[in-house]
């Protein structure tokens, strides 16, 4: 994908994927509908942003974490 520039990397990506996946699982098991679907979607969004290395909110605010 060439339309974005990575703005997170390294350990931050690993932490995002882990926390996002854990949040999605916790939301599906602990929350009642429709909150479980919304919580799982939010967790998956965090996990996907960690997986691809790009966070749109960071880009808007101007945060650029080292990608090494």
Protein backbone atom coordinates (compact mmCIF):
# COMPACT_ATOMS: atom_id res chain seq x y z
CA UNK A 1 0.00 0.00 0.00
CA UNK A 2 1.61 3.18 -1.13
CA UNK A 3 -1.00 5.75 -0.10
CA UNK A 4 0.12 6.10 3.53
CA UNK A 5 3.38 6.48 5.40
CA UNK A 6 3.95 4.40 8.52
CA UNK A 7 3.67 6.54 11.62
CA UNK A 8 3.96 3.82 14.28
CA UNK A 9 6.40 1.02 14.49
CA UNK A 10 8.40 -1.44 16.51
CA UNK A 11 7.08 -2.31 19.92
CA UNK A 12 4.17 0.08 19.58
CA UNK A 13 2.75 -2.02 16.75
CA UNK A 14 3.05 -5.21 18.79
CA UNK A 15 1.34 -3.57 21.77
CA UNK A 16 -1.48 -2.23 19.58
CA UNK A 17 -2.17 -5.62 18.02
CA UNK A 18 -2.20 -7.33 21.43
CA UNK A 19 -4.35 -4.77 23.19
CA UNK A 20 -6.73 -4.46 20.24
CA UNK A 21 -7.25 -8.21 20.01
CA UNK A 22 -7.70 -8.51 23.78
CA UNK A 23 -10.22 -5.65 23.79
CA UNK A 24 -12.20 -7.25 20.99
CA UNK A 25 -12.36 -10.60 22.78
CA UNK A 26 -13.23 -8.96 26.11
CA UNK A 27 -15.99 -6.90 24.49
CA UNK A 28 -17.57 -9.95 22.89
CA UNK A 29 -17.50 -11.94 26.13
CA UNK A 30 -18.24 -9.30 28.77
CA UNK A 31 -20.58 -6.75 27.21
CA UNK A 32 -24.24 -7.06 26.30
CA UNK A 33 -25.52 -6.38 22.79
CA UNK A 34 -25.17 -3.93 20.98
CA UNK A 35 -22.19 -2.79 23.06
CA UNK A 36 -20.32 -5.99 22.38
CA UNK A 37 -20.30 -5.44 18.63
CA UNK A 38 -19.24 -1.80 18.97
CA UNK A 39 -16.52 -2.67 21.46
CA UNK A 40 -15.24 -5.51 19.29
CA UNK A 41 -15.17 -3.22 16.25
CA UNK A 42 -13.15 -0.63 18.18
CA UNK A 43 -10.71 -3.29 19.35
CA UNK A 44 -10.30 -4.63 15.85
CA UNK A 45 -9.64 -1.13 14.51
CA UNK A 46 -6.82 -0.72 17.02
CA UNK A 47 -5.40 -4.14 16.12
CA UNK A 48 -5.54 -3.44 12.38
CA UNK A 49 -3.84 -0.06 12.78
CA UNK A 50 -1.07 -1.80 14.68
CA UNK A 51 -0.80 -4.50 12.04
CA UNK A 52 -0.42 -2.08 9.13
CA UNK A 53 1.65 0.48 11.09
CA UNK A 54 -0.54 3.49 10.39
CA UNK A 55 -2.83 5.37 12.76
CA UNK A 56 -5.07 8.01 11.17
CA UNK A 57 -5.51 9.85 14.47
CA UNK A 58 -1.73 10.10 14.90
CA UNK A 59 -1.50 11.52 11.37
CA UNK A 60 -4.10 14.20 12.15
CA UNK A 61 -2.41 15.20 15.41
CA UNK A 62 1.09 15.03 13.92
CA UNK A 63 2.53 12.21 16.04
CA UNK A 64 5.19 10.13 14.32
CA UNK A 65 6.70 7.32 16.41
CA UNK A 66 9.97 5.70 15.29
CA UNK A 67 9.37 2.89 12.80
CA UNK A 68 12.49 0.94 13.74
